[in-house]
Amino acid sequence: MPTPYPLKVQAIRTQGTTPRLYVYFPIPLAAAIGLEAGETVQWELLDRGELHLVRLQPPQPATKKRAPRLA
């Protein structure tokens, strides 16, 4: 069963500029996939309700054994 990580989109408003939206990546989720600070990622828009985060240079897996797929 997938583990949800709810979060809020935050707006940063600096005087004289347009607001920028930020989404913070939860530490437990980053640790689970080995995401590092400074790593380059990009979003893929699948439809209005779904985004995918794509790692441009994912690290090699630390183990060859894979976790079982959930149905």
Protein backbone atom coordinates (compact mmCIF):
# COMPACT_ATOMS: atom_id res chain seq x y z
CA MET A 1 0.00 0.00 0.00
CA PRO A 2 1.49 3.40 -0.97
CA THR A 3 2.39 5.75 1.86
CA PRO A 4 0.91 9.23 1.34
CA TYR A 5 2.98 12.35 2.01
CA PRO A 6 0.55 15.28 2.08
CA LEU A 7 2.09 18.74 1.80
CA LYS A 8 1.10 22.27 0.93
CA VAL A 9 2.30 24.31 -2.01
CA GLN A 10 3.88 27.48 -0.67
CA ALA A 11 4.09 30.86 -2.35
CA ILE A 12 7.13 33.09 -1.92
CA ARG A 13 6.30 36.72 -2.59
CA THR A 14 9.20 39.13 -3.01
CA GLN A 15 8.38 42.78 -3.52
CA GLY A 16 8.53 43.76 -7.19
CA THR A 17 8.48 40.18 -8.55
CA THR A 18 5.78 37.68 -9.38
CA PRO A 19 5.10 35.04 -6.71
CA ARG A 20 6.99 31.75 -6.99
CA LEU A 21 5.48 28.46 -5.89
CA TYR A 22 7.52 25.93 -3.94
CA VAL A 23 6.90 22.29 -3.08
CA TYR A 24 9.13 20.85 -0.38
CA PHE A 25 10.11 17.20 -0.61
CA PRO A 26 9.53 15.33 2.68
CA ILE A 27 12.78 14.01 4.21
CA PRO A 28 11.48 10.42 4.71
CA LEU A 29 10.47 10.23 1.06
CA ALA A 30 13.79 11.71 -0.11
CA ALA A 31 15.67 9.21 2.05
CA ALA A 32 13.60 6.31 0.69
CA ILE A 33 14.66 7.07 -2.90
CA GLY A 34 18.12 8.43 -2.11
CA LEU A 35 17.37 11.96 -3.31
CA GLU A 36 20.27 14.32 -2.56
CA ALA A 37 20.35 18.08 -2.07
CA GLY A 38 21.31 19.84 -5.29
CA GLU A 39 20.15 16.98 -7.51
CA THR A 40 18.50 18.09 -10.76
CA VAL A 41 14.93 16.91 -11.29
CA GLN A 42 12.09 17.90 -13.56
CA TRP A 43 8.32 17.59 -13.55
CA GLU A 44 6.30 15.71 -16.19
CA LEU A 45 2.68 16.85 -16.47
CA LEU A 46 0.51 13.82 -17.19
CA ASP A 47 -2.84 15.53 -16.75
CA ARG A 48 -4.38 18.18 -14.50
CA GLY A 49 -4.36 15.84 -11.53
CA GLU A 50 -1.04 14.06 -11.86
CA LEU A 51 2.60 15.13 -11.98
CA HIS A 52 5.62 12.87 -12.11
CA LEU A 53 8.96 13.88 -10.69
CA VAL A 54 11.75 12.67 -12.97
CA ARG A 55 15.33 12.33 -11.77
CA LEU A 56 17.61 13.23 -14.66
CA GLN A 57 20.60 11.26 -13.33
CA PRO A 58 19.39 8.71 -10.78
CA PRO A 59 22.13 6.92 -8.84
CA GLN A 60 22.79 3.23 -9.35
CA PRO A 61 20.85 1.02 -6.92
CA ALA A 62 22.82 0.00 -3.84
CA THR A 63 21.46 -3.55 -4.11
CA LYS A 64 20.46 -5.84 -6.94
CA LYS A 65 17.49 -7.27 -5.04
CA ARG A 66 14.24 -5.50 -5.88
CA ALA A 67 11.27 -4.97 -3.62
CA PRO A 68 8.13 -6.93 -4.55
CA ARG A 69 5.57 -5.07 -6.63
CA LEU A 70 2.30 -4.16 -4.98
CA ALA A 71 -0.89 -5.16 -6.73
